[in-house]
Amino acid sequence: MNATELCFGIGEKAGVWICRKCGRFSVSGKAAEDCCLPIICECGAELPINGHLTRCNDCTRRKLAERNATRLAEAELVADYDGWICSEEVCGNQDGYFASFDDLIEYCEDN
């Protein structure tokens, strides 16, 4: 057992757990207990223990490609649009927003 629930100085339980192996805190005993267990991606690959990854890079790219293909299939073709656009893959200087498609292309070519 790697998890221990912390207590206040008067012996009252604090509702906070700590993993005794790495020292991370959690509000759940189960999360603290599972803290240092390896995380397994849906494809079976073991991920590094760093607290935030849930998929390997290959599965992340595949999911993104599937999502983009679905969005493209459902998209409506707009002719003669002349306004701001947003890109989730290209951040740029304004959090992914570009004044025009030409600005996005220029940014990509420069970077």
C-alpha atoms as a PDB file:
ATOM      1  CA  MET A   1       0.000   0.000   0.000  1.00  0.00           C
ATOM      2  CA  ASN A   2       1.549   3.281  -1.141  1.00  0.00           C
ATOM      3  CA  ALA A   3      -1.181   5.684   0.006  1.00  0.00           C
ATOM      4  CA  THR A   4      -1.622   7.241   3.423  1.00  0.00           C
ATOM      5  CA  GLU A   5      -4.379   9.614   4.495  1.00  0.00           C
ATOM      6  CA  LEU A   6      -3.050  12.699   6.203  1.00  0.00           C
ATOM      7  CA  CYS A   7      -4.418  13.935   9.501  1.00  0.00           C
ATOM      8  CA  PHE A   8      -4.502  17.251  11.273  1.00  0.00           C
ATOM      9  CA  GLY A   9      -2.434  17.612  14.446  1.00  0.00           C
ATOM     10  CA  ILE A  10      -5.497  16.815  16.575  1.00  0.00           C
ATOM     11  CA  GLY A  11      -5.899  13.431  14.857  1.00  0.00           C
ATOM     12  CA  GLU A  12      -8.810  14.477  12.630  1.00  0.00           C
ATOM     13  CA  LYS A  13      -8.571  13.162   9.051  1.00  0.00           C
ATOM     14  CA  ALA A  14      -7.742  15.854   6.482  1.00  0.00           C
ATOM     15  CA  GLY A  15      -9.324  14.163   3.438  1.00  0.00           C
ATOM     16  CA  VAL A  16      -5.996  14.368   1.616  1.00  0.00           C
ATOM     17  CA  TRP A  17      -3.916  11.359   0.649  1.00  0.00           C
ATOM     18  CA  ILE A  18      -0.235  11.094  -0.140  1.00  0.00           C
ATOM     19  CA  CYS A  19       1.625   8.533  -2.200  1.00  0.00           C
ATOM     20  CA  ARG A  20       4.428   7.325   0.053  1.00  0.00           C
ATOM     21  CA  LYS A  21       6.525   6.357  -2.961  1.00  0.00           C
ATOM     22  CA  CYS A  22       6.726   9.746  -4.751  1.00  0.00           C
ATOM     23  CA  GLY A  23       5.121  12.213  -2.302  1.00  0.00           C
ATOM     24  CA  ARG A  24       2.295  13.448  -4.590  1.00  0.00           C
ATOM     25  CA  PHE A  25      -0.916  14.552  -2.911  1.00  0.00           C
ATOM     26  CA  SER A  26      -4.428  13.575  -3.966  1.00  0.00           C
ATOM     27  CA  VAL A  27      -7.992  14.087  -2.740  1.00  0.00           C
ATOM     28  CA  SER A  28      -8.719  10.402  -3.408  1.00  0.00           C
ATOM     29  CA  GLY A  29      -7.197   7.369  -1.739  1.00  0.00           C
ATOM     30  CA  LYS A  30      -7.550   5.389  -4.982  1.00  0.00           C
ATOM     31  CA  ALA A  31      -5.705   8.081  -6.985  1.00  0.00           C
ATOM     32  CA  ALA A  32      -2.899   8.159  -4.404  1.00  0.00           C
ATOM     33  CA  GLU A  33      -2.736   4.362  -4.406  1.00  0.00           C
ATOM     34  CA  ASP A  34      -2.521   4.212  -8.217  1.00  0.00           C
ATOM     35  CA  CYS A  35      -0.182   7.223  -8.456  1.00  0.00           C
ATOM     36  CA  CYS A  36       3.008   5.383  -9.388  1.00  0.00           C
ATOM     37  CA  LEU A  37       1.458   2.570 -11.398  1.00  0.00           C
ATOM     38  CA  PRO A  38       2.342   2.616 -15.089  1.00  0.00           C
ATOM     39  CA  ILE A  39      -0.251   4.190 -17.381  1.00  0.00           C
ATOM     40  CA  ILE A  40      -1.133   2.018 -20.358  1.00  0.00           C
ATOM     41  CA  CYS A  41      -2.280   3.624 -23.623  1.00  0.00           C
ATOM     42  CA  GLU A  42      -5.268   2.198 -25.492  1.00  0.00           C
ATOM     43  CA  CYS A  43      -2.797   0.605 -27.950  1.00  0.00           C
ATOM     44  CA  GLY A  44      -1.003  -1.176 -25.093  1.00  0.00           C
ATOM     45  CA  ALA A  45       2.083   1.041 -24.931  1.00  0.00           C
ATOM     46  CA  GLU A  46       3.316   1.991 -21.469  1.00  0.00           C
ATOM     47  CA  LEU A  47       3.442   5.764 -20.945  1.00  0.00           C
ATOM     48  CA  PRO A  48       5.980   7.627 -18.819  1.00  0.00           C
ATOM     49  CA  ILE A  49       4.742   8.450 -15.351  1.00  0.00           C
ATOM     50  CA  ASN A  50       4.401  12.221 -15.401  1.00  0.00           C
ATOM     51  CA  GLY A  51       0.845  12.704 -14.224  1.00  0.00           C
ATOM     52  CA  HIS A  52      -0.894  13.982 -17.338  1.00  0.00           C
ATOM     53  CA  LEU A  53      -0.434  11.782 -20.435  1.00  0.00           C
ATOM     54  CA  THR A  54      -3.233   9.334 -21.231  1.00  0.00           C
ATOM     55  CA  ARG A  55      -2.256   8.421 -24.822  1.00  0.00           C
ATOM     56  CA  CYS A  56       0.974   7.803 -26.674  1.00  0.00           C
ATOM     57  CA  ASN A  57       2.016  10.213 -29.444  1.00  0.00           C
ATOM     58  CA  ASP A  58       0.944   7.826 -32.222  1.00  0.00           C
ATOM     59  CA  CYS A  59      -2.562   7.375 -30.769  1.00  0.00           C
ATOM     60  CA  THR A  60      -2.853  11.128 -30.154  1.00  0.00           C
ATOM     61  CA  ARG A  61      -1.974  11.849 -33.799  1.00  0.00           C
ATOM     62  CA  ARG A  62      -4.382   9.150 -35.012  1.00  0.00           C
ATOM     63  CA  LYS A  63      -7.267  10.520 -32.895  1.00  0.00           C
ATOM     64  CA  LEU A  64      -6.543  14.059 -34.119  1.00  0.00           C
ATOM     65  CA  ALA A  65      -6.523  12.876 -37.745  1.00  0.00           C
ATOM     66  CA  GLU A  66      -9.844  11.039 -37.214  1.00  0.00           C
ATOM     67  CA  ARG A  67     -11.400  14.110 -35.594  1.00  0.00           C
ATOM     68  CA  ASN A  68     -10.184  16.378 -38.379  1.00  0.00           C
ATOM     69  CA  ALA A  69     -11.458  13.970 -41.056  1.00  0.00           C
ATOM     70  CA  THR A  70     -14.888  13.932 -39.399  1.00  0.00           C
ATOM     71  CA  ARG A  71     -14.938  17.725 -39.150  1.00  0.00           C
ATOM     72  CA  LEU A  72     -13.909  18.064 -42.798  1.00  0.00           C
ATOM     73  CA  ALA A  73     -16.613  15.617 -43.923  1.00  0.00           C
ATOM     74  CA  GLU A  74     -19.245  17.610 -41.982  1.00  0.00           C
ATOM     75  CA  ALA A  75     -17.928  21.048 -42.977  1.00  0.00           C
ATOM     76  CA  GLU A  76     -19.853  23.418 -45.173  1.00  0.00           C
ATOM     77  CA  LEU A  77     -17.998  24.862 -48.142  1.00  0.00           C
ATOM     78  CA  VAL A  78     -17.872  28.649 -47.912  1.00  0.00           C
ATOM     79  CA  ALA A  79     -16.925  30.594 -51.026  1.00  0.00           C
ATOM     80  CA  ASP A  80     -15.400  34.088 -50.970  1.00  0.00           C
ATOM     81  CA  TYR A  81     -14.804  34.193 -47.180  1.00  0.00           C
ATOM     82  CA  ASP A  82     -12.582  37.090 -46.191  1.00  0.00           C
ATOM     83  CA  GLY A  83     -12.184  37.193 -42.432  1.00  0.00           C
ATOM     84  CA  TRP A  84     -10.481  35.772 -39.371  1.00  0.00           C
ATOM     85  CA  ILE A  85      -9.687  32.066 -39.195  1.00  0.00           C
ATOM     86  CA  CYS A  86      -8.523  29.825 -36.356  1.00  0.00           C
ATOM     87  CA  SER A  87      -6.111  26.904 -36.483  1.00  0.00           C
ATOM     88  CA  GLU A  88      -5.781  24.398 -33.632  1.00  0.00           C
ATOM     89  CA  GLU A  89      -2.551  22.982 -35.057  1.00  0.00           C
ATOM     90  CA  VAL A  90      -0.738  26.286 -35.783  1.00  0.00           C
ATOM     91  CA  CYS A  91      -0.622  28.630 -32.804  1.00  0.00           C
ATOM     92  CA  GLY A  92       1.050  31.701 -34.265  1.00  0.00           C
ATOM     93  CA  ASN A  93       1.273  34.983 -32.392  1.00  0.00           C
ATOM     94  CA  GLN A  94      -2.434  35.256 -31.562  1.00  0.00           C
ATOM     95  CA  ASP A  95      -3.313  31.854 -30.064  1.00  0.00           C
ATOM     96  CA  GLY A  96      -4.125  30.278 -33.418  1.00  0.00           C
ATOM     97  CA  TYR A  97      -6.148  33.172 -34.853  1.00  0.00           C
ATOM     98  CA  PHE A  98      -5.108  34.720 -38.159  1.00  0.00           C
ATOM     99  CA  ALA A  99      -6.600  37.735 -39.925  1.00  0.00           C
ATOM    100  CA  SER A 100      -6.816  35.804 -43.184  1.00  0.00           C
ATOM    101  CA  PHE A 101      -5.902  32.528 -44.816  1.00  0.00           C
ATOM    102  CA  ASP A 102      -2.990  34.307 -46.509  1.00  0.00           C
ATOM    103  CA  ASP A 103      -1.654  35.347 -43.075  1.00  0.00           C
ATOM    104  CA  LEU A 104      -1.771  31.700 -41.944  1.00  0.00           C
ATOM    105  CA  ILE A 105       0.098  30.552 -45.051  1.00  0.00           C
ATOM    106  CA  GLU A 106       2.688  33.311 -44.592  1.00  0.00           C
ATOM    107  CA  TYR A 107       3.191  32.367 -40.934  1.00  0.00           C
ATOM    108  CA  CYS A 108       3.672  28.683 -41.889  1.00  0.00           C
ATOM    109  CA  GLU A 109       6.167  29.536 -44.607  1.00  0.00           C
ATOM    110  CA  ASP A 110       8.174  31.789 -42.281  1.00  0.00           C
ATOM    111  CA  ASN A 111       8.220  29.281 -39.432  1.00  0.00           C
END
